């Protein structure tokens, strides 16, 4: 369906050239309002910290900070960006790289809202400080054994695939020992459990499973003399803009047998159902000391905030197959996966209409993973035509820079303001040393 918003995106692409990303503050605000309505239905006071790693576009981060959202950071780079807009007390610190400089940076820069620990090494680093050091609030990252891996009956309900690489198992004894060690140190205040359940979550059932495990853990911690007052439920909620089909061992078996069955697509998270699960468990959680919830949404907020416009740079015929190659690949759109579908809008072709044509839409890397899947267009695609790819705000910009050494321009959809200028590979290399190690 023709959309004035897509037409506007194509107009801006004519001005700034492709590939280009378009930022919509209006759609971001709608996501903010929807998430705020969700937390308002919860039986506990809730704090929200936007996950910077999802999309660290400064305009987006600033937009959220002005609306009362804190920051969740995983690197010194993100910490520096967050502290330019927020106080340390408005920042939650996560990430597996804290020992690579982040932890010391945070300790020297103030007292954050929370540091979620996930390794014994991080505990050793914190407890090595003297008892007179300033008190640091910490949480323990917990993995739920019943919820691990990426496959399952739907995008939210996962089959068990072994121990998670992050945090301590909720069922094990190491987490009890870790909690005791932190609770006994005078310069550490253990007050939270951090439970990140995965990505593209849509079902309330996964939260029910998590709550059962969390309650058992809280009972064990209380018996060990450790009190916990907050649950940090992480992020991972689907944005509601992307169709994701169910995958799992049964679907894979049918595919191998030559009987492929397309799983039912799921898109919008069941926010009402998820809120009801918190209400259901609220009495038990309160009896175990829980008084507050934290959330770290990333894709839910960022995904609808960006569109991308690419150009068709080649159309290839291979027998009955047709490939349309774009100047923007899935290396830049990291979350574009084979079981996911996003809205796509094509620039109208000139000339007489023809029968609908099926194309395999691919990026410029010419690798089997650099594909958007098969699409059908009402008119043939031609080199130079523009394609608008919607809901690409999650993880796209960071992956583009990491894979191409280029920074795309980002333009405001609403007023056409250039928010982030294009950086070519030539400009990138001009800022580095020469091959001989001498300044260029």
Protein backbone atom coordinates (compact mmCIF):
# COMPACT_ATOMS: atom_id res chain seq x y z
CA UNK A 1 0.00 0.00 0.00
CA UNK A 2 1.29 3.41 -0.95
CA UNK A 3 2.31 5.47 2.07
CA UNK A 4 3.07 9.19 2.34
CA UNK A 5 5.79 8.32 4.85
CA UNK A 6 7.53 6.00 2.39
CA UNK A 7 7.22 8.62 -0.35
CA UNK A 8 8.86 11.11 2.00
CA UNK A 9 11.70 8.63 2.63
CA UNK A 10 12.28 8.28 -1.11
CA UNK A 11 12.32 12.06 -1.55
CA UNK A 12 15.00 12.41 1.13
CA UNK A 13 17.00 9.62 -0.51
CA UNK A 14 17.03 11.64 -3.74
CA UNK A 15 18.62 14.51 -1.81
CA UNK A 16 21.14 12.54 0.26
CA UNK A 17 21.75 9.57 -2.08
CA UNK A 18 21.59 5.92 -1.08
CA UNK A 19 22.15 4.11 1.11
CA UNK A 20 20.58 6.35 3.72
CA UNK A 21 18.81 5.83 7.04
CA UNK A 22 15.75 7.90 8.01
CA UNK A 23 14.98 8.56 11.67
CA UNK A 24 11.38 9.09 12.80
CA UNK A 25 11.02 10.76 16.18
CA UNK A 26 7.23 10.46 15.90
CA UNK A 27 7.33 6.67 15.60
CA UNK A 28 9.86 6.52 18.43
CA UNK A 29 7.48 8.51 20.62
CA UNK A 30 4.66 6.09 19.83
CA UNK A 31 6.87 3.20 20.99
CA UNK A 32 7.77 5.15 24.13
CA UNK A 33 4.08 5.72 24.89
CA UNK A 34 3.27 2.04 24.35
CA UNK A 35 6.05 0.89 26.66
CA UNK A 36 5.04 3.45 29.30
CA UNK A 37 1.46 2.13 29.14
CA UNK A 38 2.82 -1.39 29.69
CA UNK A 39 4.85 -0.46 32.77
CA UNK A 40 1.87 1.48 34.14
CA UNK A 41 -0.08 -1.80 34.28
CA UNK A 42 2.58 -3.53 36.40
CA UNK A 43 2.12 -4.09 40.14
CA UNK A 44 5.56 -2.66 41.00
CA UNK A 45 7.23 0.70 40.38
CA UNK A 46 9.32 0.36 37.21
CA UNK A 47 12.42 2.07 35.85
CA UNK A 48 13.36 1.97 32.17
CA UNK A 49 16.91 2.07 30.76
CA UNK A 50 17.33 2.16 26.97
CA UNK A 51 19.89 -0.33 25.62
CA UNK A 52 22.49 1.79 23.82
CA UNK A 53 24.04 -1.15 21.97
CA UNK A 54 20.80 -1.56 20.01
CA UNK A 55 21.30 1.79 18.30
CA UNK A 56 23.70 4.42 19.62
CA UNK A 57 22.60 7.18 17.24
CA UNK A 58 23.10 10.26 19.46
CA UNK A 59 19.84 11.87 18.35
CA UNK A 60 17.91 8.75 19.33
CA UNK A 61 19.64 8.41 22.71
CA UNK A 62 19.11 12.09 23.49
CA UNK A 63 15.46 11.87 22.45
CA UNK A 64 14.91 9.06 24.96
CA UNK A 65 16.87 10.75 27.74
CA UNK A 66 14.66 13.83 27.42
CA UNK A 67 11.63 11.58 27.94
CA UNK A 68 12.90 10.24 31.23
CA UNK A 69 14.57 7.03 30.08
CA UNK A 70 17.91 6.04 31.57
CA UNK A 71 20.69 4.26 29.69
CA UNK A 72 21.92 0.66 29.70
CA UNK A 73 25.53 0.48 28.48
CA UNK A 74 27.98 -2.31 27.72
CA UNK A 75 31.19 -0.49 26.73
CA UNK A 76 33.32 2.55 27.63
CA UNK A 77 32.16 4.19 24.36
CA UNK A 78 28.52 3.86 25.39
CA UNK A 79 29.33 5.04 28.94
CA UNK A 80 30.95 8.20 27.53
CA UNK A 81 27.91 8.89 25.34
CA UNK A 82 25.47 8.22 28.16
CA UNK A 83 27.27 10.43 30.67
CA UNK A 84 27.15 13.32 28.19
CA UNK A 85 23.36 13.26 28.59
CA UNK A 86 22.67 11.62 31.95
CA UNK A 87 24.10 11.37 35.45
CA UNK A 88 25.79 8.09 36.43
CA UNK A 89 22.85 7.30 38.71
CA UNK A 90 20.67 7.07 35.58
CA UNK A 91 22.84 4.41 33.94
CA UNK A 92 22.80 0.60 34.25
CA UNK A 93 26.05 -1.15 33.36
CA UNK A 94 26.04 -4.59 31.70
CA UNK A 95 28.18 -6.51 29.24
CA UNK A 96 30.74 -9.29 29.06
CA UNK A 97 33.58 -6.82 28.46
CA UNK A 98 33.51 -5.03 31.80
CA UNK A 99 37.01 -6.31 32.63
CA UNK A 100 38.29 -4.76 29.40
CA UNK A 101 38.20 -1.27 30.86
CA UNK A 102 34.50 -0.63 31.41
CA UNK A 103 34.42 -1.55 35.09
CA UNK A 104 37.34 0.72 35.99
CA UNK A 105 35.92 3.52 33.84
CA UNK A 106 32.60 3.29 35.67
CA UNK A 107 34.18 3.10 39.14
CA UNK A 108 36.24 6.21 38.39
CA UNK A 109 33.34 8.11 36.86
CA UNK A 110 30.76 7.97 39.62
CA UNK A 111 28.15 5.65 41.08
CA UNK A 112 25.83 4.11 38.45
CA UNK A 113 22.29 3.01 39.13
CA UNK A 114 23.39 -0.63 38.92
CA UNK A 115 26.27 -2.81 37.74
CA UNK A 116 25.06 -6.26 36.76
CA UNK A 117 27.85 -8.78 37.32
CA UNK A 118 28.10 -12.08 35.48
CA UNK A 119 31.51 -13.58 36.30
CA UNK A 120 33.53 -14.47 39.39
CA UNK A 121 36.32 -12.30 37.97
CA UNK A 122 34.12 -9.22 38.17
CA UNK A 123 33.26 -10.05 41.78
CA UNK A 124 36.95 -10.44 42.61
CA UNK A 125 37.68 -7.05 41.03
CA UNK A 126 35.00 -5.29 43.06
CA UNK A 127 35.71 -7.00 46.36
CA UNK A 128 39.45 -6.29 46.03
CA UNK A 129 38.66 -2.66 46.82
CA UNK A 130 39.11 -1.67 50.43
CA UNK A 131 36.16 -1.38 52.84
CA UNK A 132 36.44 2.43 52.73
CA UNK A 133 35.78 2.56 48.95
CA UNK A 134 32.52 4.14 47.81
CA UNK A 135 29.57 1.78 47.84
CA UNK A 136 28.62 0.32 44.46
CA UNK A 137 25.10 -1.06 43.78
CA UNK A 138 25.25 -4.39 41.97
CA UNK A 139 23.05 -7.14 40.59
CA UNK A 140 23.75 -10.74 39.63
CA UNK A 141 22.97 -11.92 36.13
CA UNK A 142 20.87 -15.08 36.22
CA UNK A 143 20.30 -17.61 33.48
CA UNK A 144 17.10 -19.66 33.56
CA UNK A 145 17.88 -23.29 32.60
CA UNK A 146 14.41 -23.80 31.12
CA UNK A 147 14.92 -20.84 28.78
CA UNK A 148 18.07 -21.08 26.69
CA UNK A 149 19.00 -21.25 23.05
CA UNK A 150 17.26 -19.67 20.08
CA UNK A 151 14.96 -22.47 18.84
CA UNK A 152 11.59 -23.52 20.13
CA UNK A 153 7.88 -23.74 19.59
CA UNK A 154 7.75 -20.03 18.94
CA UNK A 155 10.19 -17.14 19.09
CA UNK A 156 9.66 -16.84 22.85
CA UNK A 157 9.51 -20.44 24.06
CA UNK A 158 12.90 -22.03 23.63
CA UNK A 159 13.95 -25.63 23.86
CA UNK A 160 16.86 -26.27 26.16
CA UNK A 161 20.24 -26.14 24.42
CA UNK A 162 22.66 -26.27 27.33
CA UNK A 163 23.97 -23.74 29.81
CA UNK A 164 23.89 -20.08 28.86
CA UNK A 165 27.24 -18.34 28.47
CA UNK A 166 25.99 -15.39 30.54
CA UNK A 167 25.65 -15.29 34.30
CA UNK A 168 24.95 -17.90 36.94
CA UNK A 169 22.35 -20.66 36.69
CA UNK A 170 19.29 -20.00 38.84
CA UNK A 171 19.35 -23.65 39.95
CA UNK A 172 23.02 -23.92 40.90
CA UNK A 173 24.97 -23.34 44.11
CA UNK A 174 27.60 -20.94 42.62
CA UNK A 175 25.08 -18.09 42.53
CA UNK A 176 24.42 -18.52 46.27
CA UNK A 177 28.15 -18.36 46.99
CA UNK A 178 28.51 -15.28 44.75
CA UNK A 179 25.61 -13.54 46.46
CA UNK A 180 26.98 -14.22 49.94
CA UNK A 181 30.40 -12.90 48.98
CA UNK A 182 28.93 -9.65 47.66
CA UNK A 183 26.48 -9.21 50.54
CA UNK A 184 29.34 -9.44 53.06
CA UNK A 185 31.51 -6.72 51.47
CA UNK A 186 31.01 -3.23 52.96
CA UNK A 187 31.72 -1.41 49.67
CA UNK A 188 29.17 -3.41 47.65
CA UNK A 189 25.38 -3.27 47.89
CA UNK A 190 23.77 -6.33 46.33
CA UNK A 191 20.17 -5.47 45.56
CA UNK A 192 19.09 -6.97 42.24
CA UNK A 193 18.85 -10.01 40.01
CA UNK A 194 19.31 -9.43 36.28
CA UNK A 195 17.29 -11.77 34.06
CA UNK A 196 17.64 -11.31 30.29
CA UNK A 197 15.34 -13.83 28.60
CA UNK A 198 16.52 -13.50 24.99
CA UNK A 199 15.38 -11.62 21.92
CA UNK A 200 12.18 -11.16 19.90
CA UNK A 201 10.02 -12.12 22.90
CA UNK A 202 6.28 -12.20 22.21
CA UNK A 203 4.73 -14.70 24.60
CA UNK A 204 3.66 -14.23 28.20
CA UNK A 205 4.43 -17.90 28.87
CA UNK A 206 8.18 -17.28 28.85
CA UNK A 207 7.74 -14.79 31.69
CA UNK A 208 5.65 -17.32 33.63
CA UNK A 209 8.47 -19.84 33.33
CA UNK A 210 11.01 -17.23 34.39
CA UNK A 211 8.95 -16.11 37.41
CA UNK A 212 8.70 -19.65 38.74
CA UNK A 213 12.49 -20.03 38.54
CA UNK A 214 13.12 -16.56 40.02
CA UNK A 215 10.86 -17.24 43.00
CA UNK A 216 12.68 -20.50 43.75
CA UNK A 217 16.00 -18.65 43.59
CA UNK A 218 14.77 -15.84 45.85
CA UNK A 219 13.69 -18.42 48.42
CA UNK A 220 17.13 -20.03 48.34
CA UNK A 221 18.85 -16.65 48.67
CA UNK A 222 16.64 -15.68 51.61
CA UNK A 223 17.49 -18.97 53.34
CA UNK A 224 21.16 -18.06 52.85
CA UNK A 225 20.60 -14.68 54.49
CA UNK A 226 20.65 -12.60 51.28
CA UNK A 227 17.86 -10.11 50.54
CA UNK A 228 17.06 -8.89 47.01
CA UNK A 229 14.78 -5.91 46.40
CA UNK A 230 14.78 -5.45 42.60
CA UNK A 231 14.38 -7.53 39.46
CA UNK A 232 16.06 -6.26 36.28
CA UNK A 233 14.10 -8.03 33.52
CA UNK A 234 16.45 -6.95 30.72
CA UNK A 235 15.14 -6.37 27.23
CA UNK A 236 14.34 -8.56 24.25
CA UNK A 237 10.68 -7.66 23.72
CA UNK A 238 9.68 -7.75 20.05
CA UNK A 239 8.85 -4.36 18.59
CA UNK A 240 5.61 -5.40 16.91
CA UNK A 241 6.93 -4.37 13.47
CA UNK A 242 8.61 -7.59 12.36
CA UNK A 243 6.97 -10.93 11.53
CA UNK A 244 9.00 -13.84 12.86
CA UNK A 245 8.04 -17.41 12.04
CA UNK A 246 8.23 -20.21 14.54
CA UNK A 247 11.24 -22.49 14.27
CA UNK A 248 12.37 -25.57 16.12
CA UNK A 249 13.27 -29.24 15.79
CA UNK A 250 9.91 -30.33 14.33
CA UNK A 251 9.98 -27.67 11.61
CA UNK A 252 13.61 -28.54 10.82
CA UNK A 253 12.80 -32.27 10.61
CA UNK A 254 9.93 -31.63 8.21
CA UNK A 255 12.20 -29.47 6.08
CA UNK A 256 14.84 -32.21 5.87
CA UNK A 257 12.13 -34.72 4.90
CA UNK A 258 11.10 -32.49 2.03
CA UNK A 259 7.86 -31.45 3.72
CA UNK A 260 8.53 -27.84 4.64
CA UNK A 261 5.85 -26.25 6.78
CA UNK A 262 5.94 -22.52 7.33
CA UNK A 263 5.46 -21.72 10.98
CA UNK A 264 2.83 -19.25 12.10
CA UNK A 265 4.28 -15.73 12.04
CA UNK A 266 4.29 -13.79 15.29
CA UNK A 267 4.81 -10.09 15.60
CA UNK A 268 3.36 -8.11 18.48
CA UNK A 269 4.37 -9.00 22.04
CA UNK A 270 1.53 -9.91 24.36
CA UNK A 271 2.05 -6.95 26.68
CA UNK A 272 -1.30 -7.46 28.41
CA UNK A 273 -0.47 -11.10 29.07
CA UNK A 274 3.04 -10.29 30.29
CA UNK A 275 1.65 -7.67 32.67
CA UNK A 276 -0.86 -10.23 33.95
CA UNK A 277 1.98 -12.63 34.77
CA UNK A 278 3.64 -9.98 36.92
CA UNK A 279 0.30 -9.33 38.65
CA UNK A 280 -0.14 -13.06 39.23
CA UNK A 281 3.27 -13.44 40.84
CA UNK A 282 3.24 -10.10 42.68
CA UNK A 283 2.10 -11.44 46.09
CA UNK A 284 4.77 -14.12 46.11
CA UNK A 285 7.47 -11.73 44.88
CA UNK A 286 6.54 -9.17 47.54
CA UNK A 287 6.72 -11.81 50.24
CA UNK A 288 10.26 -12.54 49.05
CA UNK A 289 11.33 -8.89 49.24
CA UNK A 290 10.83 -7.60 45.68
CA UNK A 291 9.76 -3.96 45.58
CA UNK A 292 10.87 -2.71 42.16
CA UNK A 293 11.30 -3.71 38.50
CA UNK A 294 13.82 -2.51 35.93
CA UNK A 295 13.61 -2.94 32.16
CA UNK A 296 16.22 -2.49 29.42
CA UNK A 297 14.27 -2.28 26.13
CA UNK A 298 16.27 -1.96 22.95
CA UNK A 299 14.58 -3.21 19.80
CA UNK A 300 11.07 -2.39 21.10
CA UNK A 301 11.99 1.30 21.04
CA UNK A 302 14.64 1.50 18.33
CA UNK A 303 13.35 -0.86 15.65
CA UNK A 304 10.44 1.29 14.39
CA UNK A 305 12.49 4.49 14.63
CA UNK A 306 14.50 3.92 11.43
CA UNK A 307 13.84 3.19 7.78
CA UNK A 308 16.56 2.59 5.21
CA UNK A 309 16.49 3.44 1.52
CA UNK A 310 18.69 1.49 -0.88
CA UNK A 311 19.06 1.47 -4.66
CA UNK A 312 18.91 -1.50 -7.00
CA UNK A 313 22.39 -1.67 -8.49
CA UNK A 314 21.90 -4.78 -10.63
CA UNK A 315 19.22 -7.24 -11.73
CA UNK A 316 20.52 -10.72 -12.53
CA UNK A 317 18.74 -13.52 -14.36
CA UNK A 318 19.64 -17.15 -13.75
CA UNK A 319 17.13 -19.31 -15.59
CA UNK A 320 13.79 -18.78 -13.90
CA UNK A 321 15.43 -17.04 -10.94
CA UNK A 322 15.87 -13.30 -10.71
CA UNK A 323 18.06 -11.48 -8.20
CA UNK A 324 17.87 -7.79 -7.41
CA UNK A 325 21.11 -6.55 -5.83
CA UNK A 326 20.91 -3.55 -3.50
CA UNK A 327 23.62 -1.16 -2.39
CA UNK A 328 22.71 -1.96 1.22
CA UNK A 329 23.28 -5.45 2.55
CA UNK A 330 22.19 -7.47 5.55
CA UNK A 331 25.64 -6.80 7.00
CA UNK A 332 24.14 -3.37 7.71
CA UNK A 333 20.75 -4.80 8.70
CA UNK A 334 21.95 -7.35 11.21
CA UNK A 335 18.53 -8.31 12.55
CA UNK A 336 17.19 -9.19 9.10
CA UNK A 337 17.06 -12.96 9.46
CA UNK A 338 15.66 -15.69 7.21
CA UNK A 339 12.62 -16.26 9.44
CA UNK A 340 11.78 -12.55 9.69
CA UNK A 341 9.75 -10.28 7.40
CA UNK A 342 9.65 -6.47 7.42
CA UNK A 343 7.60 -4.02 5.33
CA UNK A 344 9.21 -3.16 1.97
CA UNK A 345 8.14 -0.37 -0.35
CA UNK A 346 9.33 -0.10 -3.96
CA UNK A 347 9.64 3.03 -6.02
CA UNK A 348 7.15 2.88 -8.89
CA UNK A 349 8.65 1.84 -12.20
CA UNK A 350 8.12 3.91 -15.31
CA UNK A 351 6.76 2.48 -18.53
CA UNK A 352 3.96 -0.03 -19.22
CA UNK A 353 2.84 -2.33 -16.42
CA UNK A 354 3.83 -5.98 -16.53
CA UNK A 355 2.91 -9.16 -14.70
CA UNK A 356 4.11 -9.49 -11.12
CA UNK A 357 7.70 -10.68 -10.91
CA UNK A 358 9.42 -12.63 -8.15
CA UNK A 359 12.91 -11.54 -7.10
CA UNK A 360 15.40 -12.80 -4.60
CA UNK A 361 16.48 -9.59 -2.92
CA UNK A 362 20.15 -9.54 -1.92
CA UNK A 363 22.84 -7.18 -0.70
CA UNK A 364 26.22 -6.39 -2.26
CA UNK A 365 28.29 -9.02 -0.41
CA UNK A 366 27.15 -11.83 -2.73
CA UNK A 367 27.06 -14.30 0.12
CA UNK A 368 24.18 -16.65 0.82
CA UNK A 369 23.56 -14.98 4.16
CA UNK A 370 23.33 -11.52 2.58
CA UNK A 371 19.73 -11.93 1.46
CA UNK A 372 16.38 -10.45 2.42
CA UNK A 373 14.47 -13.42 1.00
CA UNK A 374 12.13 -13.63 -1.97
CA UNK A 375 9.69 -10.84 -2.75
CA UNK A 376 7.10 -10.24 -5.49
CA UNK A 377 6.81 -6.83 -7.10
CA UNK A 378 3.93 -5.46 -9.18
CA UNK A 379 6.40 -4.04 -11.73
CA UNK A 380 9.84 -5.23 -12.80
CA UNK A 381 12.79 -3.91 -10.82
CA UNK A 382 15.40 -1.93 -12.71
CA UNK A 383 18.86 -0.65 -11.76
CA UNK A 384 18.54 2.75 -10.15
CA UNK A 385 15.14 2.08 -8.59
CA UNK A 386 14.91 2.76 -4.87
CA UNK A 387 13.69 0.37 -2.21
CA UNK A 388 12.53 1.46 1.25
CA UNK A 389 13.17 -1.10 4.01
CA UNK A 390 11.16 -0.43 7.14
CA UNK A 391 11.73 -1.12 10.85
CA UNK A 392 15.53 -1.39 10.67
CA UNK A 393 16.40 0.66 13.75
CA UNK A 394 17.75 -2.23 15.82
CA UNK A 395 21.47 -3.02 15.49
CA UNK A 396 21.73 -1.78 11.88
CA UNK A 397 23.99 1.27 12.16
CA UNK A 398 26.58 -0.38 14.40
CA UNK A 399 26.87 -3.40 12.13
CA UNK A 400 27.17 -1.19 9.05
CA UNK A 401 30.19 0.58 10.49
CA UNK A 402 31.74 -2.66 11.75
CA UNK A 403 31.43 -4.40 8.37
CA UNK A 404 32.06 -1.63 5.83
CA UNK A 405 34.09 1.06 7.67
CA UNK A 406 31.57 3.56 6.41
CA UNK A 407 29.08 5.62 8.35
CA UNK A 408 25.77 6.14 6.57
CA UNK A 409 23.96 9.46 6.71
CA UNK A 410 20.95 9.58 9.02
CA UNK A 411 18.25 12.10 8.21
CA UNK A 412 15.15 13.14 10.14
CA UNK A 413 11.99 11.96 8.39
CA UNK A 414 9.99 14.75 9.95
CA UNK A 415 12.00 17.84 8.98
CA UNK A 416 14.85 16.59 6.78
CA UNK A 417 17.59 17.58 9.24
CA UNK A 418 20.88 15.79 8.74
CA UNK A 419 21.46 14.05 12.08
CA UNK A 420 24.60 12.11 11.21
CA UNK A 421 26.76 12.85 8.19
CA UNK A 422 28.06 10.24 5.78
CA UNK A 423 31.61 9.03 6.33
CA UNK A 424 33.29 7.32 3.40
CA UNK A 425 35.94 4.65 3.65
CA UNK A 426 38.48 7.24 2.41
CA UNK A 427 37.60 9.50 5.33
CA UNK A 428 37.81 6.54 7.69
CA UNK A 429 41.29 5.61 6.55
CA UNK A 430 42.49 9.20 6.68
CA UNK A 431 42.05 9.09 10.46
CA UNK A 432 44.28 6.05 10.91
CA UNK A 433 48.01 5.40 10.71
CA UNK A 434 49.72 4.62 7.44
CA UNK A 435 50.77 0.99 6.70
CA UNK A 436 54.33 1.84 7.82
CA UNK A 437 53.07 3.00 11.22
CA UNK A 438 53.74 6.69 10.49
CA UNK A 439 50.95 9.26 10.79
CA UNK A 440 49.24 9.73 7.46
